[in-house]
Amino acid sequence: IPLSQLIGGADKGQSPGEDRLPPGQRSMLWMIRYLPASSARILEAVVHDEDRVLPVSSLLNDYRGISDVCLSVPCIVDRSGVDATLPIPMNEAELAGLRNSADTIRNTIRSLGF
């Protein structure tokens, strides 16, 4: 069954009138549309031991100097789950932004008592 039949309009980018929705509703519509397809790709990689490169969130251990936080980065996904993270080229500003995101997530989790 084509994805567009399951969730309507996914292959066209937008449903009629979607541009008139408030941003929060557009985000929800995006999740309803694309999250199941993304989950299916991850499950296929695990079940079929595919060694597929996918952007998935996992606990990082010295990824570009970042540890102890879960972030979505390119990973090789196989039967064991995340087999390896793949470093991608970044300039200093991008790396600083990634590290800032990691610090923000880590600090937020700690503020919640975890």
N, C-alpha and C. Protein backbone atom coordinates (compact mmCIF):
# COMPACT_ATOMS: atom_id res chain seq x y z
N ILE A 1 0.86 -1.17 0.00
CA ILE A 1 0.00 0.00 0.00
C ILE A 1 0.90 1.23 0.00
N PRO A 2 0.71 2.14 -0.96
CA PRO A 2 1.52 3.36 -0.95
C PRO A 2 1.29 4.17 0.31
N LEU A 3 2.36 4.79 0.79
CA LEU A 3 2.28 5.59 2.01
C LEU A 3 1.22 6.67 1.90
N SER A 4 1.07 7.24 0.71
CA SER A 4 0.09 8.32 0.53
C SER A 4 -1.34 7.85 0.79
N GLN A 5 -1.61 6.56 0.54
CA GLN A 5 -2.96 6.03 0.83
C GLN A 5 -3.18 5.85 2.32
N LEU A 6 -2.10 5.56 3.05
CA LEU A 6 -2.23 5.37 4.48
C LEU A 6 -2.39 6.68 5.23
N ILE A 7 -1.64 7.70 4.81
CA ILE A 7 -1.65 8.94 5.59
C ILE A 7 -1.98 10.16 4.76
N GLY A 8 -2.33 9.99 3.52
CA GLY A 8 -2.83 11.08 2.68
C GLY A 8 -1.88 12.22 2.46
N GLY A 9 -1.43 12.40 1.24
CA GLY A 9 -0.66 13.57 0.88
C GLY A 9 0.81 13.54 1.25
N ALA A 10 1.31 12.48 1.86
CA ALA A 10 2.70 12.47 2.31
C ALA A 10 3.68 12.60 1.15
N ASP A 11 3.30 12.04 -0.02
CA ASP A 11 4.23 12.11 -1.14
C ASP A 11 4.15 13.45 -1.86
N LYS A 12 3.24 14.31 -1.51
CA LYS A 12 3.10 15.62 -2.13
C LYS A 12 3.65 16.72 -1.24
N GLY A 13 4.05 16.43 -0.04
CA GLY A 13 4.62 17.41 0.86
C GLY A 13 3.61 18.04 1.80
N GLN A 14 2.43 18.40 1.30
CA GLN A 14 1.42 19.02 2.16
C GLN A 14 0.04 18.58 1.74
N SER A 15 -0.84 18.53 2.70
CA SER A 15 -2.25 18.29 2.43
C SER A 15 -2.90 19.62 2.11
N PRO A 16 -4.03 19.62 1.41
CA PRO A 16 -4.72 20.88 1.15
C PRO A 16 -5.03 21.62 2.44
N GLY A 17 -4.69 22.90 2.49
CA GLY A 17 -4.96 23.72 3.66
C GLY A 17 -3.96 23.59 4.78
N GLU A 18 -2.97 22.72 4.62
CA GLU A 18 -2.01 22.50 5.71
C GLU A 18 -1.24 23.77 6.05
N ASP A 19 -0.96 24.60 5.05
CA ASP A 19 -0.21 25.83 5.29
C ASP A 19 -0.98 26.82 6.16
N ARG A 20 -2.28 26.61 6.35
CA ARG A 20 -3.08 27.50 7.19
C ARG A 20 -3.16 27.02 8.64
N LEU A 21 -2.58 25.86 8.94
CA LEU A 21 -2.61 25.33 10.30
C LEU A 21 -1.60 26.07 11.18
N PRO A 22 -1.91 26.23 12.47
CA PRO A 22 -0.92 26.79 13.40
C PRO A 22 0.31 25.88 13.46
N PRO A 23 1.50 26.44 13.75
CA PRO A 23 2.73 25.64 13.76
C PRO A 23 2.65 24.37 14.61
N GLY A 24 2.04 24.43 15.77
CA GLY A 24 1.94 23.23 16.62
C GLY A 24 1.17 22.11 15.96
N GLN A 25 0.11 22.46 15.24
CA GLN A 25 -0.67 21.44 14.54
C GLN A 25 0.09 20.90 13.34
N ARG A 26 0.88 21.76 12.69
CA ARG A 26 1.71 21.28 11.57
C ARG A 26 2.75 20.28 12.08
N SER A 27 3.33 20.56 13.25
CA SER A 27 4.31 19.63 13.83
C SER A 27 3.65 18.30 14.15
N MET A 28 2.45 18.35 14.71
CA MET A 28 1.73 17.11 15.03
C MET A 28 1.42 16.33 13.76
N LEU A 29 1.00 17.03 12.71
CA LEU A 29 0.70 16.38 11.45
C LEU A 29 1.95 15.72 10.88
N TRP A 30 3.10 16.41 11.01
CA TRP A 30 4.36 15.83 10.54
C TRP A 30 4.65 14.54 11.29
N MET A 31 4.47 14.54 12.61
CA MET A 31 4.74 13.34 13.41
C MET A 31 3.82 12.20 13.01
N ILE A 32 2.54 12.50 12.80
CA ILE A 32 1.59 11.46 12.40
C ILE A 32 1.98 10.87 11.05
N ARG A 33 2.48 11.72 10.17
CA ARG A 33 2.85 11.27 8.83
C ARG A 33 4.12 10.46 8.78
N TYR A 34 5.18 11.01 9.36
CA TYR A 34 6.51 10.48 9.10
C TYR A 34 7.10 9.61 10.20
N LEU A 35 6.64 9.74 11.42
CA LEU A 35 7.20 8.94 12.50
C LEU A 35 6.99 7.44 12.29
N PRO A 36 5.81 7.00 11.85
CA PRO A 36 5.67 5.55 11.61
C PRO A 36 6.62 5.04 10.53
N ALA A 37 6.84 5.80 9.48
CA ALA A 37 7.74 5.37 8.42
C ALA A 37 9.18 5.30 8.93
N SER A 38 9.59 6.27 9.74
CA SER A 38 10.94 6.26 10.31
C SER A 38 11.13 5.08 11.23
N SER A 39 10.12 4.81 12.06
CA SER A 39 10.19 3.66 12.97
C SER A 39 10.29 2.36 12.19
N ALA A 40 9.55 2.27 11.09
CA ALA A 40 9.59 1.06 10.27
C ALA A 40 10.99 0.85 9.68
N ARG A 41 11.63 1.92 9.24
CA ARG A 41 12.98 1.80 8.69
C ARG A 41 13.97 1.30 9.74
N ILE A 42 13.84 1.78 10.97
CA ILE A 42 14.73 1.33 12.04
C ILE A 42 14.48 -0.15 12.35
N LEU A 43 13.20 -0.53 12.46
CA LEU A 43 12.87 -1.93 12.74
C LEU A 43 13.36 -2.86 11.64
N GLU A 44 13.22 -2.44 10.38
CA GLU A 44 13.70 -3.27 9.27
C GLU A 44 15.21 -3.48 9.38
N ALA A 45 15.94 -2.43 9.72
CA ALA A 45 17.40 -2.53 9.84
C ALA A 45 17.79 -3.52 10.94
N VAL A 46 17.03 -3.52 12.04
CA VAL A 46 17.32 -4.44 13.15
C VAL A 46 16.93 -5.87 12.78
N VAL A 47 15.70 -6.04 12.32
CA VAL A 47 15.19 -7.39 12.03
C VAL A 47 15.99 -8.07 10.93
N HIS A 48 16.37 -7.30 9.90
CA HIS A 48 17.08 -7.89 8.76
C HIS A 48 18.59 -7.73 8.84
N ASP A 49 19.09 -7.26 9.99
CA ASP A 49 20.53 -7.12 10.22
C ASP A 49 21.21 -6.40 9.04
N GLU A 50 20.71 -5.20 8.73
CA GLU A 50 21.07 -4.54 7.47
C GLU A 50 22.32 -3.66 7.50
N ASP A 51 22.86 -3.35 8.67
CA ASP A 51 23.98 -2.40 8.72
C ASP A 51 23.61 -1.11 7.98
N ARG A 52 22.42 -0.61 8.26
CA ARG A 52 21.90 0.60 7.59
C ARG A 52 22.34 1.84 8.35
N VAL A 53 22.70 2.87 7.62
CA VAL A 53 23.05 4.15 8.24
C VAL A 53 21.76 4.96 8.42
N LEU A 54 21.46 5.27 9.68
CA LEU A 54 20.24 6.02 10.01
C LEU A 54 20.55 7.04 11.10
N PRO A 55 19.85 8.17 11.10
CA PRO A 55 20.01 9.12 12.20
C PRO A 55 19.11 8.68 13.37
N VAL A 56 19.71 8.08 14.37
CA VAL A 56 18.94 7.62 15.53
C VAL A 56 19.56 8.17 16.81
N SER A 57 18.73 8.31 17.81
CA SER A 57 19.19 8.80 19.09
C SER A 57 19.73 7.65 19.91
N SER A 58 20.91 7.84 20.45
CA SER A 58 21.51 6.82 21.31
C SER A 58 22.43 7.52 22.31
N LEU A 59 22.80 6.79 23.36
CA LEU A 59 23.70 7.33 24.37
C LEU A 59 25.09 7.47 23.77
N LEU A 60 25.59 8.69 23.75
CA LEU A 60 26.89 8.95 23.15
C LEU A 60 28.02 8.76 24.16
N ASN A 61 29.12 8.22 23.65
CA ASN A 61 30.33 8.03 24.45
C ASN A 61 31.50 8.56 23.66
N ASP A 62 31.92 9.80 23.95
CA ASP A 62 33.01 10.49 23.28
C ASP A 62 32.76 10.65 21.77
N TYR A 63 31.56 11.05 21.42
CA TYR A 63 31.25 11.42 20.04
C TYR A 63 31.61 12.89 19.89
N ARG A 64 32.72 13.16 19.22
CA ARG A 64 33.21 14.54 19.06
C ARG A 64 33.34 15.24 20.41
N GLY A 65 33.77 14.46 21.43
CA GLY A 65 33.97 15.00 22.76
C GLY A 65 32.70 15.06 23.60
N ILE A 66 31.60 14.52 23.10
CA ILE A 66 30.32 14.54 23.81
C ILE A 66 30.05 13.16 24.38
N SER A 67 29.73 13.11 25.68
CA SER A 67 29.41 11.84 26.34
C SER A 67 28.24 12.05 27.29
N ASP A 68 27.64 10.94 27.70
CA ASP A 68 26.64 10.95 28.77
C ASP A 68 25.34 11.65 28.40
N VAL A 69 24.99 11.65 27.12
CA VAL A 69 23.73 12.27 26.69
C VAL A 69 23.27 11.55 25.42
N CYS A 70 21.97 11.45 25.25
CA CYS A 70 21.41 10.85 24.03
C CYS A 70 21.11 11.93 23.01
N LEU A 71 21.69 11.79 21.83
CA LEU A 71 21.44 12.69 20.71
C LEU A 71 21.27 11.86 19.45
N SER A 72 20.57 12.40 18.50
CA SER A 72 20.39 11.74 17.22
C SER A 72 21.55 12.10 16.30
N VAL A 73 22.35 11.11 15.98
CA VAL A 73 23.49 11.28 15.07
C VAL A 73 23.49 10.09 14.11
N PRO A 74 24.19 10.21 12.98
CA PRO A 74 24.24 9.07 12.05
C PRO A 74 24.86 7.85 12.72
N CYS A 75 24.16 6.72 12.61
CA CYS A 75 24.61 5.48 13.23
C CYS A 75 24.45 4.32 12.26
N ILE A 76 25.25 3.30 12.46
CA ILE A 76 25.04 2.04 11.75
C ILE A 76 24.12 1.21 12.63
N VAL A 77 22.97 0.82 12.07
CA VAL A 77 21.97 0.06 12.81
C VAL A 77 21.92 -1.34 12.22
N ASP A 78 22.06 -2.34 13.11
CA ASP A 78 21.99 -3.74 12.70
C ASP A 78 21.20 -4.53 13.74
N ARG A 79 21.32 -5.82 13.73
CA ARG A 79 20.56 -6.68 14.63
C ARG A 79 20.77 -6.33 16.10
N SER A 80 21.93 -5.80 16.44
CA SER A 80 22.22 -5.46 17.84
C SER A 80 21.70 -4.06 18.21
N GLY A 81 21.15 -3.35 17.26
CA GLY A 81 20.71 -1.97 17.49
C GLY A 81 21.74 -1.03 16.91
N VAL A 82 22.16 -0.04 17.68
CA VAL A 82 23.20 0.88 17.21
C VAL A 82 24.54 0.19 17.34
N ASP A 83 25.15 -0.10 16.21
CA ASP A 83 26.45 -0.78 16.20
C ASP A 83 27.58 0.23 16.34
N ALA A 84 27.45 1.38 15.68
CA ALA A 84 28.50 2.39 15.73
C ALA A 84 27.91 3.75 15.36
N THR A 85 28.50 4.80 15.91
CA THR A 85 28.14 6.15 15.49
C THR A 85 29.14 6.58 14.43
N LEU A 86 28.68 7.40 13.50
CA LEU A 86 29.54 7.86 12.42
C LEU A 86 29.80 9.35 12.55
N PRO A 87 31.07 9.73 12.69
CA PRO A 87 31.36 11.17 12.77
C PRO A 87 31.12 11.82 11.41
N ILE A 88 30.48 12.96 11.43
CA ILE A 88 30.25 13.69 10.19
C ILE A 88 31.08 14.98 10.24
N PRO A 89 31.54 15.44 9.09
CA PRO A 89 32.33 16.67 9.07
C PRO A 89 31.50 17.85 9.59
N MET A 90 32.09 18.64 10.47
CA MET A 90 31.44 19.84 11.01
C MET A 90 32.47 20.94 11.13
N ASN A 91 32.01 22.16 10.88
CA ASN A 91 32.90 23.29 11.14
C ASN A 91 32.80 23.63 12.63
N GLU A 92 33.59 24.57 13.08
CA GLU A 92 33.63 24.90 14.51
C GLU A 92 32.27 25.40 15.03
N ALA A 93 31.57 26.18 14.23
CA ALA A 93 30.26 26.70 14.66
C ALA A 93 29.25 25.57 14.82
N GLU A 94 29.26 24.62 13.88
CA GLU A 94 28.34 23.48 13.97
C GLU A 94 28.66 22.61 15.18
N LEU A 95 29.95 22.37 15.40
CA LEU A 95 30.37 21.58 16.55
C LEU A 95 29.99 22.27 17.86
N ALA A 96 30.17 23.59 17.91
CA ALA A 96 29.78 24.34 19.11
C ALA A 96 28.27 24.24 19.33
N GLY A 97 27.49 24.28 18.25
CA GLY A 97 26.04 24.15 18.37
C GLY A 97 25.64 22.77 18.87
N LEU A 98 26.31 21.74 18.36
CA LEU A 98 26.02 20.37 18.81
C LEU A 98 26.36 20.21 20.29
N ARG A 99 27.50 20.73 20.69
CA ARG A 99 27.89 20.65 22.10
C ARG A 99 26.94 21.44 22.99
N ASN A 100 26.48 22.58 22.52
CA ASN A 100 25.51 23.37 23.27
C ASN A 100 24.20 22.60 23.43
N SER A 101 23.75 21.94 22.35
CA SER A 101 22.54 21.13 22.43
C SER A 101 22.70 20.00 23.44
N ALA A 102 23.86 19.35 23.41
CA ALA A 102 24.12 18.26 24.36
C ALA A 102 24.10 18.77 25.80
N ASP A 103 24.72 19.91 26.04
CA ASP A 103 24.74 20.50 27.38
C ASP A 103 23.32 20.86 27.84
N THR A 104 22.53 21.43 26.94
CA THR A 104 21.16 21.82 27.27
C THR A 104 20.33 20.59 27.65
N ILE A 105 20.43 19.53 26.85
CA ILE A 105 19.68 18.30 27.14
C ILE A 105 20.14 17.70 28.46
N ARG A 106 21.46 17.60 28.62
CA ARG A 106 22.02 17.02 29.85
C ARG A 106 21.57 17.80 31.09
N ASN A 107 21.63 19.13 31.02
CA ASN A 107 21.22 19.97 32.14
C ASN A 107 19.72 19.87 32.43
N THR A 108 18.93 19.78 31.40
CA THR A 108 17.48 19.63 31.58
C THR A 108 17.16 18.31 32.26
N ILE A 109 17.79 17.24 31.83
CA ILE A 109 17.57 15.92 32.45
C ILE A 109 17.99 15.94 33.91
N ARG A 110 19.13 16.54 34.21
CA ARG A 110 19.60 16.63 35.59
C ARG A 110 18.64 17.46 36.46
N SER A 111 18.10 18.54 35.88
CA SER A 111 17.17 19.40 36.64
C SER A 111 15.89 18.66 37.00
N LEU A 112 15.60 17.59 36.27
CA LEU A 112 14.41 16.78 36.56
C LEU A 112 14.72 15.65 37.54
N GLY A 113 15.96 15.60 37.99
CA GLY A 113 16.34 14.62 39.01
C GLY A 113 16.86 13.30 38.47
N PHE A 114 17.25 13.26 37.21
CA PHE A 114 17.78 12.02 36.64
C PHE A 114 19.27 12.10 36.46
